[in-house]
Amino acid sequence: MQKTQKIVVLTGIILIFLMGIFPPWLYVDESKVGHPMGYAPIWKPPVDRQRDTAELLGFKLQMDIQTQKANTIDLARLLIQIAILSVVTTGVVVLLKKASV
């Protein structure tokens, strides 16, 4: 294996590691419906704060504050990302091998 191929494989491994540290998150409600919450560190799931405000005589009133914290990792999306990165990394390694022959 050439040096450039090793760099490509190492880069792919590092990116997969980073995907695992910063995974996509879901908030699954009582109806078992998943709502995407974006990406966040594994140690600090994202929090979505929804505020309903009303304006009365020029004053803003905060009516209701709801907090939704991501409660599960979107494993399907994470696996798809890893699979795509693996295919791309393998393709680049194969192309580099054919280019050197």
PDB file of N, CA and C in Angstrom:
ATOM      1  N   MET A   1       0.849  -1.176   0.000  1.00  0.00           N
ATOM      2  CA  MET A   1       0.000   0.000   0.000  1.00  0.00           C
ATOM      3  C   MET A   1       0.896   1.241   0.000  1.00  0.00           C
ATOM      4  N   GLN A   2       0.568   2.171  -0.870  1.00  0.00           N
ATOM      5  CA  GLN A   2       1.345   3.397  -0.996  1.00  0.00           C
ATOM      6  C   GLN A   2       1.068   4.342   0.167  1.00  0.00           C
ATOM      7  N   LYS A   3       1.935   5.334   0.270  1.00  0.00           N
ATOM      8  CA  LYS A   3       1.785   6.316   1.345  1.00  0.00           C
ATOM      9  C   LYS A   3       0.481   7.105   1.192  1.00  0.00           C
ATOM     10  N   THR A   4       0.131   7.490  -0.038  1.00  0.00           N
ATOM     11  CA  THR A   4      -1.100   8.258  -0.251  1.00  0.00           C
ATOM     12  C   THR A   4      -2.333   7.413   0.076  1.00  0.00           C
ATOM     13  N   GLN A   5      -2.273   6.129  -0.229  1.00  0.00           N
ATOM     14  CA  GLN A   5      -3.387   5.243   0.114  1.00  0.00           C
ATOM     15  C   GLN A   5      -3.530   5.137   1.636  1.00  0.00           C
ATOM     16  N   LYS A   6      -2.428   5.038   2.333  1.00  0.00           N
ATOM     17  CA  LYS A   6      -2.469   4.973   3.794  1.00  0.00           C
ATOM     18  C   LYS A   6      -3.054   6.246   4.384  1.00  0.00           C
ATOM     19  N   ILE A   7      -2.701   7.389   3.791  1.00  0.00           N
ATOM     20  CA  ILE A   7      -3.247   8.665   4.268  1.00  0.00           C
ATOM     21  C   ILE A   7      -4.751   8.711   4.056  1.00  0.00           C
ATOM     22  N   VAL A   8      -5.222   8.226   2.905  1.00  0.00           N
ATOM     23  CA  VAL A   8      -6.659   8.213   2.611  1.00  0.00           C
ATOM     24  C   VAL A   8      -7.394   7.305   3.600  1.00  0.00           C
ATOM     25  N   VAL A   9      -6.853   6.121   3.870  1.00  0.00           N
ATOM     26  CA  VAL A   9      -7.490   5.188   4.813  1.00  0.00           C
ATOM     27  C   VAL A   9      -7.493   5.787   6.212  1.00  0.00           C
ATOM     28  N   LEU A  10      -6.383   6.388   6.639  1.00  0.00           N
ATOM     29  CA  LEU A  10      -6.311   6.999   7.962  1.00  0.00           C
ATOM     30  C   LEU A  10      -7.296   8.156   8.084  1.00  0.00           C
ATOM     31  N   THR A  11      -7.415   8.953   7.032  1.00  0.00           N
ATOM     32  CA  THR A  11      -8.381  10.053   7.030  1.00  0.00           C
ATOM     33  C   THR A  11      -9.809   9.520   7.152  1.00  0.00           C
ATOM     34  N   GLY A  12     -10.120   8.441   6.439  1.00  0.00           N
ATOM     35  CA  GLY A  12     -11.444   7.821   6.536  1.00  0.00           C
ATOM     36  C   GLY A  12     -11.735   7.323   7.939  1.00  0.00           C
ATOM     37  N   ILE A  13     -10.744   6.711   8.579  1.00  0.00           N
ATOM     38  CA  ILE A  13     -10.924   6.208   9.944  1.00  0.00           C
ATOM     39  C   ILE A  13     -11.151   7.362  10.914  1.00  0.00           C
ATOM     40  N   ILE A  14     -10.391   8.440  10.755  1.00  0.00           N
ATOM     41  CA  ILE A  14     -10.564   9.606  11.630  1.00  0.00           C
ATOM     42  C   ILE A  14     -11.947  10.213  11.440  1.00  0.00           C
ATOM     43  N   LEU A  15     -12.417  10.313  10.195  1.00  0.00           N
ATOM     44  CA  LEU A  15     -13.749  10.875   9.945  1.00  0.00           C
ATOM     45  C   LEU A  15     -14.852   9.999  10.529  1.00  0.00           C
ATOM     46  N   ILE A  16     -14.707   8.679  10.451  1.00  0.00           N
ATOM     47  CA  ILE A  16     -15.701   7.780  11.059  1.00  0.00           C
ATOM     48  C   ILE A  16     -15.699   7.956  12.574  1.00  0.00           C
ATOM     49  N   PHE A  17     -14.518   8.103  13.166  1.00  0.00           N
ATOM     50  CA  PHE A  17     -14.420   8.352  14.601  1.00  0.00           C
ATOM     51  C   PHE A  17     -15.136   9.653  14.973  1.00  0.00           C
ATOM     52  N   LEU A  18     -14.920  10.710  14.191  1.00  0.00           N
ATOM     53  CA  LEU A  18     -15.587  11.990  14.462  1.00  0.00           C
ATOM     54  C   LEU A  18     -17.104  11.893  14.287  1.00  0.00           C
ATOM     55  N   MET A  19     -17.538  11.096  13.313  1.00  0.00           N
ATOM     56  CA  MET A  19     -18.984  10.874  13.148  1.00  0.00           C
ATOM     57  C   MET A  19     -19.576  10.209  14.381  1.00  0.00           C
ATOM     58  N   GLY A  20     -18.804   9.313  14.987  1.00  0.00           N
ATOM     59  CA  GLY A  20     -19.278   8.654  16.198  1.00  0.00           C
ATOM     60  C   GLY A  20     -19.306   9.574  17.400  1.00  0.00           C
ATOM     61  N   ILE A  21     -18.401  10.538  17.449  1.00  0.00           N
ATOM     62  CA  ILE A  21     -18.374  11.483  18.562  1.00  0.00           C
ATOM     63  C   ILE A  21     -19.454  12.553  18.412  1.00  0.00           C
ATOM     64  N   PHE A  22     -19.749  12.957  17.184  1.00  0.00           N
ATOM     65  CA  PHE A  22     -20.772  13.970  16.900  1.00  0.00           C
ATOM     66  C   PHE A  22     -21.881  13.354  16.048  1.00  0.00           C
ATOM     67  N   PRO A  23     -22.697  12.469  16.626  1.00  0.00           N
ATOM     68  CA  PRO A  23     -23.719  11.767  15.839  1.00  0.00           C
ATOM     69  C   PRO A  23     -24.969  12.619  15.599  1.00  0.00           C
ATOM     70  N   PRO A  24     -25.809  12.185  14.650  1.00  0.00           N
ATOM     71  CA  PRO A  24     -27.111  12.823  14.479  1.00  0.00           C
ATOM     72  C   PRO A  24     -28.060  12.361  15.589  1.00  0.00           C
ATOM     73  N   TRP A  25     -28.865  13.275  16.091  1.00  0.00           N
ATOM     74  CA  TRP A  25     -29.765  12.987  17.215  1.00  0.00           C
ATOM     75  C   TRP A  25     -31.225  13.069  16.798  1.00  0.00           C
ATOM     76  N   LEU A  26     -32.063  12.350  17.555  1.00  0.00           N
ATOM     77  CA  LEU A  26     -33.520  12.369  17.376  1.00  0.00           C
ATOM     78  C   LEU A  26     -34.187  12.650  18.715  1.00  0.00           C
ATOM     79  N   TYR A  27     -35.340  13.305  18.631  1.00  0.00           N
ATOM     80  CA  TYR A  27     -36.233  13.374  19.780  1.00  0.00           C
ATOM     81  C   TYR A  27     -37.426  12.490  19.427  1.00  0.00           C
ATOM     82  N   VAL A  28     -37.621  11.426  20.191  1.00  0.00           N
ATOM     83  CA  VAL A  28     -38.745  10.514  19.961  1.00  0.00           C
ATOM     84  C   VAL A  28     -39.836  10.880  20.959  1.00  0.00           C
ATOM     85  N   ASP A  29     -40.994  11.286  20.427  1.00  0.00           N
ATOM     86  CA  ASP A  29     -42.085  11.708  21.310  1.00  0.00           C
ATOM     87  C   ASP A  29     -42.905  10.528  21.803  1.00  0.00           C
ATOM     88  N   GLU A  30     -43.981  10.835  22.505  1.00  0.00           N
ATOM     89  CA  GLU A  30     -44.824   9.786  23.094  1.00  0.00           C
ATOM     90  C   GLU A  30     -45.466   8.894  22.048  1.00  0.00           C
ATOM     91  N   SER A  31     -45.663   9.415  20.833  1.00  0.00           N
ATOM     92  CA  SER A  31     -46.268   8.646  19.746  1.00  0.00           C
ATOM     93  C   SER A  31     -45.246   7.804  18.989  1.00  0.00           C
ATOM     94  N   LYS A  32     -44.016   7.750  19.485  1.00  0.00           N
ATOM     95  CA  LYS A  32     -42.920   6.999  18.866  1.00  0.00           C
ATOM     96  C   LYS A  32     -42.544   7.558  17.495  1.00  0.00           C
ATOM     97  N   VAL A  33     -42.714   8.871  17.322  1.00  0.00           N
ATOM     98  CA  VAL A  33     -42.336   9.549  16.085  1.00  0.00           C
ATOM     99  C   VAL A  33     -41.026  10.278  16.341  1.00  0.00           C
ATOM    100  N   GLY A  34     -40.049  10.050  15.457  1.00  0.00           N
ATOM    101  CA  GLY A  34     -38.746  10.686  15.617  1.00  0.00           C
ATOM    102  C   GLY A  34     -38.670  12.032  14.924  1.00  0.00           C
ATOM    103  N   HIS A  35     -38.116  13.012  15.621  1.00  0.00           N
ATOM    104  CA  HIS A  35     -37.929  14.347  15.074  1.00  0.00           C
ATOM    105  C   HIS A  35     -36.431  14.652  15.067  1.00  0.00           C
ATOM    106  N   PRO A  36     -35.841  14.908  13.891  1.00  0.00           N
ATOM    107  CA  PRO A  36     -34.399  15.183  13.836  1.00  0.00           C
ATOM    108  C   PRO A  36     -34.037  16.417  14.655  1.00  0.00           C
ATOM    109  N   MET A  37     -32.927  16.311  15.389  1.00  0.00           N
ATOM    110  CA  MET A  37     -32.487  17.414  16.249  1.00  0.00           C
ATOM    111  C   MET A  37     -31.115  17.949  15.834  1.00  0.00           C
ATOM    112  N   GLY A  38     -30.540  17.419  14.771  1.00  0.00           N
ATOM    113  CA  GLY A  38     -29.243  17.900  14.327  1.00  0.00           C
ATOM    114  C   GLY A  38     -28.103  17.087  14.917  1.00  0.00           C
ATOM    115  N   TYR A  39     -26.907  17.649  14.846  1.00  0.00           N
ATOM    116  CA  TYR A  39     -25.695  16.970  15.299  1.00  0.00           C
ATOM    117  C   TYR A  39     -25.193  17.639  16.573  1.00  0.00           C
ATOM    118  N   ALA A  40     -24.688  16.820  17.477  1.00  0.00           N
ATOM    119  CA  ALA A  40     -24.149  17.339  18.735  1.00  0.00           C
ATOM    120  C   ALA A  40     -23.207  16.295  19.314  1.00  0.00           C
ATOM    121  N   PRO A  41     -22.341  16.715  20.238  1.00  0.00           N
ATOM    122  CA  PRO A  41     -21.430  15.756  20.865  1.00  0.00           C
ATOM    123  C   PRO A  41     -22.187  14.663  21.606  1.00  0.00           C
ATOM    124  N   ILE A  42     -21.579  13.509  21.694  1.00  0.00           N
ATOM    125  CA  ILE A  42     -22.201  12.361  22.353  1.00  0.00           C
ATOM    126  C   ILE A  42     -22.460  12.647  23.833  1.00  0.00           C
ATOM    127  N   TRP A  43     -21.635  13.491  24.429  1.00  0.00           N
ATOM    128  CA  TRP A  43     -21.759  13.795  25.860  1.00  0.00           C
ATOM    129  C   TRP A  43     -22.714  14.951  26.138  1.00  0.00           C
ATOM    130  N   LYS A  44     -23.221  15.624  25.097  1.00  0.00           N
ATOM    131  CA  LYS A  44     -24.139  16.754  25.299  1.00  0.00           C
ATOM    132  C   LYS A  44     -25.195  16.768  24.191  1.00  0.00           C
ATOM    133  N   PRO A  45     -26.274  15.973  24.354  1.00  0.00           N
ATOM    134  CA  PRO A  45     -27.332  15.946  23.342  1.00  0.00           C
ATOM    135  C   PRO A  45     -27.948  17.332  23.146  1.00  0.00           C
ATOM    136  N   PRO A  46     -28.419  17.622  21.937  1.00  0.00           N
ATOM    137  CA  PRO A  46     -29.001  18.942  21.677  1.00  0.00           C
ATOM    138  C   PRO A  46     -30.315  19.146  22.424  1.00  0.00           C
ATOM    139  N   VAL A  47     -30.582  20.403  22.745  1.00  0.00           N
ATOM    140  CA  VAL A  47     -31.810  20.800  23.430  1.00  0.00           C
ATOM    141  C   VAL A  47     -32.501  21.847  22.567  1.00  0.00           C
ATOM    142  N   ASP A  48     -33.792  21.660  22.340  1.00  0.00           N
ATOM    143  CA  ASP A  48     -34.583  22.602  21.551  1.00  0.00           C
ATOM    144  C   ASP A  48     -35.574  23.275  22.490  1.00  0.00           C
ATOM    145  N   ARG A  49     -35.454  24.583  22.581  1.00  0.00           N
ATOM    146  CA  ARG A  49     -36.372  25.345  23.435  1.00  0.00           C
ATOM    147  C   ARG A  49     -37.365  26.083  22.543  1.00  0.00           C
ATOM    148  N   GLN A  50     -38.632  25.817  22.763  1.00  0.00           N
ATOM    149  CA  GLN A  50     -39.678  26.473  21.988  1.00  0.00           C
ATOM    150  C   GLN A  50     -40.381  27.475  22.887  1.00  0.00           C
ATOM    151  N   ARG A  51     -40.408  28.704  22.436  1.00  0.00           N
ATOM    152  CA  ARG A  51     -41.039  29.764  23.222  1.00  0.00           C
ATOM    153  C   ARG A  51     -42.192  30.354  22.439  1.00  0.00           C
ATOM    154  N   ASP A  52     -43.319  30.426  23.066  1.00  0.00           N
ATOM    155  CA  ASP A  52     -44.465  31.099  22.485  1.00  0.00           C
ATOM    156  C   ASP A  52     -44.548  32.476  23.121  1.00  0.00           C
ATOM    157  N   THR A  53     -44.550  33.500  22.292  1.00  0.00           N
ATOM    158  CA  THR A  53     -44.612  34.855  22.816  1.00  0.00           C
ATOM    159  C   THR A  53     -45.843  35.560  22.264  1.00  0.00           C
ATOM    160  N   ALA A  54     -46.286  36.508  23.013  1.00  0.00           N
ATOM    161  CA  ALA A  54     -47.409  37.340  22.593  1.00  0.00           C
ATOM    162  C   ALA A  54     -47.057  38.784  22.917  1.00  0.00           C
ATOM    163  N   GLU A  55     -47.581  39.686  22.112  1.00  0.00           N
ATOM    164  CA  GLU A  55     -47.328  41.094  22.365  1.00  0.00           C
ATOM    165  C   GLU A  55     -48.639  41.755  22.758  1.00  0.00           C
ATOM    166  N   LEU A  56     -48.610  42.421  23.907  1.00  0.00           N
ATOM    167  CA  LEU A  56     -49.809  43.065  24.434  1.00  0.00           C
ATOM    168  C   LEU A  56     -49.437  44.486  24.846  1.00  0.00           C
ATOM    169  N   LEU A  57     -49.992  45.470  24.179  1.00  0.00           N
ATOM    170  CA  LEU A  57     -49.724  46.877  24.455  1.00  0.00           C
ATOM    171  C   LEU A  57     -48.235  47.203  24.426  1.00  0.00           C
ATOM    172  N   GLY A  58     -47.527  46.610  23.508  1.00  0.00           N
ATOM    173  CA  GLY A  58     -46.112  46.888  23.364  1.00  0.00           C
ATOM    174  C   GLY A  58     -45.207  46.058  24.260  1.00  0.00           C
ATOM    175  N   PHE A  59     -45.777  45.218  25.092  1.00  0.00           N
ATOM    176  CA  PHE A  59     -44.984  44.358  25.968  1.00  0.00           C
ATOM    177  C   PHE A  59     -44.970  42.945  25.405  1.00  0.00           C
ATOM    178  N   LYS A  60     -43.811  42.326  25.426  1.00  0.00           N
ATOM    179  CA  LYS A  60     -43.715  40.942  24.990  1.00  0.00           C
ATOM    180  C   LYS A  60     -43.882  40.032  26.189  1.00  0.00           C
ATOM    181  N   LEU A  61     -44.790  39.099  26.047  1.00  0.00           N
ATOM    182  CA  LEU A  61     -45.040  38.125  27.109  1.00  0.00           C
ATOM    183  C   LEU A  61     -44.593  36.752  26.634  1.00  0.00           C
ATOM    184  N   GLN A  62     -43.859  36.063  27.474  1.00  0.00           N
ATOM    185  CA  GLN A  62     -43.497  34.683  27.164  1.00  0.00           C
ATOM    186  C   GLN A  62     -44.568  33.790  27.758  1.00  0.00           C
ATOM    187  N   MET A  63     -45.304  33.139  26.873  1.00  0.00           N
ATOM    188  CA  MET A  63     -46.466  32.373  27.297  1.00  0.00           C
ATOM    189  C   MET A  63     -46.086  30.984  27.811  1.00  0.00           C
ATOM    190  N   ASP A  64     -45.316  30.285  27.032  1.00  0.00           N
ATOM    191  CA  ASP A  64     -45.033  28.897  27.359  1.00  0.00           C
ATOM    192  C   ASP A  64     -43.644  28.554  26.847  1.00  0.00           C
ATOM    193  N   ILE A  65     -42.853  27.952  27.696  1.00  0.00           N
ATOM    194  CA  ILE A  65     -41.526  27.526  27.280  1.00  0.00           C
ATOM    195  C   ILE A  65     -41.478  26.007  27.383  1.00  0.00           C
ATOM    196  N   GLN A  66     -41.240  25.371  26.245  1.00  0.00           N
ATOM    197  CA  GLN A  66     -41.137  23.918  26.211  1.00  0.00           C
ATOM    198  C   GLN A  66     -39.704  23.548  25.851  1.00  0.00           C
ATOM    199  N   THR A  67     -39.188  22.572  26.535  1.00  0.00           N
ATOM    200  CA  THR A  67     -37.839  22.104  26.256  1.00  0.00           C
ATOM    201  C   THR A  67     -37.904  20.663  25.801  1.00  0.00           C
ATOM    202  N   GLN A  68     -37.285  20.410  24.662  1.00  0.00           N
ATOM    203  CA  GLN A  68     -37.182  19.047  24.157  1.00  0.00           C
ATOM    204  C   GLN A  68     -35.710  18.699  24.066  1.00  0.00           C
ATOM    205  N   LYS A  69     -35.322  17.645  24.750  1.00  0.00           N
ATOM    206  CA  LYS A  69     -33.947  17.190  24.710  1.00  0.00           C
ATOM    207  C   LYS A  69     -33.891  15.920  23.865  1.00  0.00           C
ATOM    208  N   ALA A  70     -32.916  15.865  22.966  1.00  0.00           N
ATOM    209  CA  ALA A  70     -32.760  14.674  22.139  1.00  0.00           C
ATOM    210  C   ALA A  70     -32.588  13.468  23.046  1.00  0.00           C
ATOM    211  N   ASN A  71     -33.306  12.401  22.741  1.00  0.00           N
ATOM    212  CA  ASN A  71     -33.256  11.238  23.622  1.00  0.00           C
ATOM    213  C   ASN A  71     -32.753   9.971  22.952  1.00  0.00           C
ATOM    214  N   THR A  72     -32.343  10.059  21.695  1.00  0.00           N
ATOM    215  CA  THR A  72     -31.772   8.889  21.035  1.00  0.00           C
ATOM    216  C   THR A  72     -30.901   9.324  19.854  1.00  0.00           C
ATOM    217  N   ILE A  73     -29.950   8.492  19.521  1.00  0.00           N
ATOM    218  CA  ILE A  73     -29.092   8.749  18.367  1.00  0.00           C
ATOM    219  C   ILE A  73     -29.785   8.206  17.123  1.00  0.00           C
ATOM    220  N   ASP A  74     -29.740   8.963  16.049  1.00  0.00           N
ATOM    221  CA  ASP A  74     -30.319   8.534  14.775  1.00  0.00           C
ATOM    222  C   ASP A  74     -29.357   7.528  14.141  1.00  0.00           C
ATOM    223  N   LEU A  75     -29.476   6.281  14.584  1.00  0.00           N
ATOM    224  CA  LEU A  75     -28.536   5.235  14.183  1.00  0.00           C
ATOM    225  C   LEU A  75     -28.603   4.942  12.685  1.00  0.00           C
ATOM    226  N   ALA A  76     -29.788   4.986  12.094  1.00  0.00           N
ATOM    227  CA  ALA A  76     -29.919   4.722  10.656  1.00  0.00           C
ATOM    228  C   ALA A  76     -29.135   5.753   9.849  1.00  0.00           C
ATOM    229  N   ARG A  77     -29.283   7.019  10.196  1.00  0.00           N
ATOM    230  CA  ARG A  77     -28.572   8.083   9.479  1.00  0.00           C
ATOM    231  C   ARG A  77     -27.061   7.965   9.689  1.00  0.00           C
ATOM    232  N   LEU A  78     -26.653   7.641  10.915  1.00  0.00           N
ATOM    233  CA  LEU A  78     -25.231   7.484  11.204  1.00  0.00           C
ATOM    234  C   LEU A  78     -24.619   6.337  10.397  1.00  0.00           C
ATOM    235  N   LEU A  79     -25.329   5.221  10.316  1.00  0.00           N
ATOM    236  CA  LEU A  79     -24.823   4.082   9.549  1.00  0.00           C
ATOM    237  C   LEU A  79     -24.763   4.376   8.051  1.00  0.00           C
ATOM    238  N   ILE A  80     -25.729   5.135   7.549  1.00  0.00           N
ATOM    239  CA  ILE A  80     -25.704   5.530   6.136  1.00  0.00           C
ATOM    240  C   ILE A  80     -24.490   6.415   5.861  1.00  0.00           C
ATOM    241  N   GLN A  81     -24.217   7.355   6.756  1.00  0.00           N
ATOM    242  CA  GLN A  81     -23.047   8.225   6.594  1.00  0.00           C
ATOM    243  C   GLN A  81     -21.758   7.415   6.582  1.00  0.00           C
ATOM    244  N   ILE A  82     -21.652   6.469   7.514  1.00  0.00           N
ATOM    245  CA  ILE A  82     -20.448   5.647   7.600  1.00  0.00           C
ATOM    246  C   ILE A  82     -20.302   4.785   6.342  1.00  0.00           C
ATOM    247  N   ALA A  83     -21.415   4.237   5.853  1.00  0.00           N
ATOM    248  CA  ALA A  83     -21.364   3.409   4.641  1.00  0.00           C
ATOM    249  C   ALA A  83     -20.918   4.230   3.431  1.00  0.00           C
ATOM    250  N   ILE A  84     -21.453   5.431   3.277  1.00  0.00           N
ATOM    251  CA  ILE A  84     -21.073   6.285   2.148  1.00  0.00           C
ATOM    252  C   ILE A  84     -19.594   6.654   2.234  1.00  0.00           C
ATOM    253  N   LEU A  85     -19.139   7.031   3.420  1.00  0.00           N
ATOM    254  CA  LEU A  85     -17.725   7.374   3.584  1.00  0.00           C
ATOM    255  C   LEU A  85     -16.830   6.170   3.301  1.00  0.00           C
ATOM    256  N   SER A  86     -17.260   4.987   3.719  1.00  0.00           N
ATOM    257  CA  SER A  86     -16.470   3.778   3.463  1.00  0.00           C
ATOM    258  C   SER A  86     -16.369   3.488   1.970  1.00  0.00           C
ATOM    259  N   VAL A  87     -17.468   3.648   1.245  1.00  0.00           N
ATOM    260  CA  VAL A  87     -17.452   3.417  -0.203  1.00  0.00           C
ATOM    261  C   VAL A  87     -16.543   4.431  -0.898  1.00  0.00           C
ATOM    262  N   VAL A  88     -16.651   5.693  -0.506  1.00  0.00           N
ATOM    263  CA  VAL A  88     -15.818   6.731  -1.119  1.00  0.00           C
ATOM    264  C   VAL A  88     -14.344   6.480  -0.815  1.00  0.00           C
ATOM    265  N   THR A  89     -14.035   6.149   0.441  1.00  0.00           N
ATOM    266  CA  THR A  89     -12.644   5.882   0.813  1.00  0.00           C
ATOM    267  C   THR A  89     -12.092   4.696   0.033  1.00  0.00           C
ATOM    268  N   THR A  90     -12.869   3.620  -0.070  1.00  0.00           N
ATOM    269  CA  THR A  90     -12.436   2.451  -0.831  1.00  0.00           C
ATOM    270  C   THR A  90     -12.228   2.803  -2.300  1.00  0.00           C
ATOM    271  N   GLY A  91     -13.126   3.587  -2.858  1.00  0.00           N
ATOM    272  CA  GLY A  91     -12.987   4.001  -4.256  1.00  0.00           C
ATOM    273  C   GLY A  91     -11.730   4.803  -4.503  1.00  0.00           C
ATOM    274  N   VAL A  92     -11.427   5.710  -3.598  1.00  0.00           N
ATOM    275  CA  VAL A  92     -10.220   6.522  -3.754  1.00  0.00           C
ATOM    276  C   VAL A  92      -8.972   5.655  -3.651  1.00  0.00           C
ATOM    277  N   VAL A  93      -8.959   4.718  -2.703  1.00  0.00           N
ATOM    278  CA  VAL A  93      -7.808   3.822  -2.550  1.00  0.00           C
ATOM    279  C   VAL A  93      -7.615   2.983  -3.811  1.00  0.00           C
ATOM    280  N   VAL A  94      -8.706   2.464  -4.369  1.00  0.00           N
ATOM    281  CA  VAL A  94      -8.619   1.654  -5.591  1.00  0.00           C
ATOM    282  C   VAL A  94      -8.136   2.501  -6.758  1.00  0.00           C
ATOM    283  N   LEU A  95      -8.650   3.725  -6.894  1.00  0.00           N
ATOM    284  CA  LEU A  95      -8.207   4.605  -7.978  1.00  0.00           C
ATOM    285  C   LEU A  95      -6.725   4.962  -7.847  1.00  0.00           C
ATOM    286  N   LEU A  96      -6.277   5.181  -6.628  1.00  0.00           N
ATOM    287  CA  LEU A  96      -4.849   5.467  -6.420  1.00  0.00           C
ATOM    288  C   LEU A  96      -3.976   4.271  -6.764  1.00  0.00           C
ATOM    289  N   LYS A  97      -4.496   3.067  -6.494  1.00  0.00           N
ATOM    290  CA  LYS A  97      -3.732   1.857  -6.827  1.00  0.00           C
ATOM    291  C   LYS A  97      -3.626   1.712  -8.352  1.00  0.00           C
ATOM    292  N   LYS A  98      -4.751   1.959  -9.050  1.00  0.00           N
ATOM    293  CA  LYS A  98      -4.738   1.821 -10.510  1.00  0.00           C
ATOM    294  C   LYS A  98      -3.869   2.911 -11.155  1.00  0.00           C
ATOM    295  N   ALA A  99      -3.827   4.086 -10.541  1.00  0.00           N
ATOM    296  CA  ALA A  99      -3.034   5.187 -11.092  1.00  0.00           C
ATOM    297  C   ALA A  99      -1.538   4.906 -10.971  1.00  0.00           C
ATOM    298  N   SER A 100      -1.153   4.121  -9.970  1.00  0.00           N
ATOM    299  CA  SER A 100       0.271   3.859  -9.767  1.00  0.00           C
ATOM    300  C   SER A 100       0.772   2.664 -10.584  1.00  0.00           C
ATOM    301  N   VAL A 101      -0.154   1.879 -11.127  1.00  0.00           N
ATOM    302  CA  VAL A 101       0.250   0.680 -11.879  1.00  0.00           C
ATOM    303  C   VAL A 101       0.642   1.012 -13.277  1.00  0.00           C
TER     304      VAL A 101
END
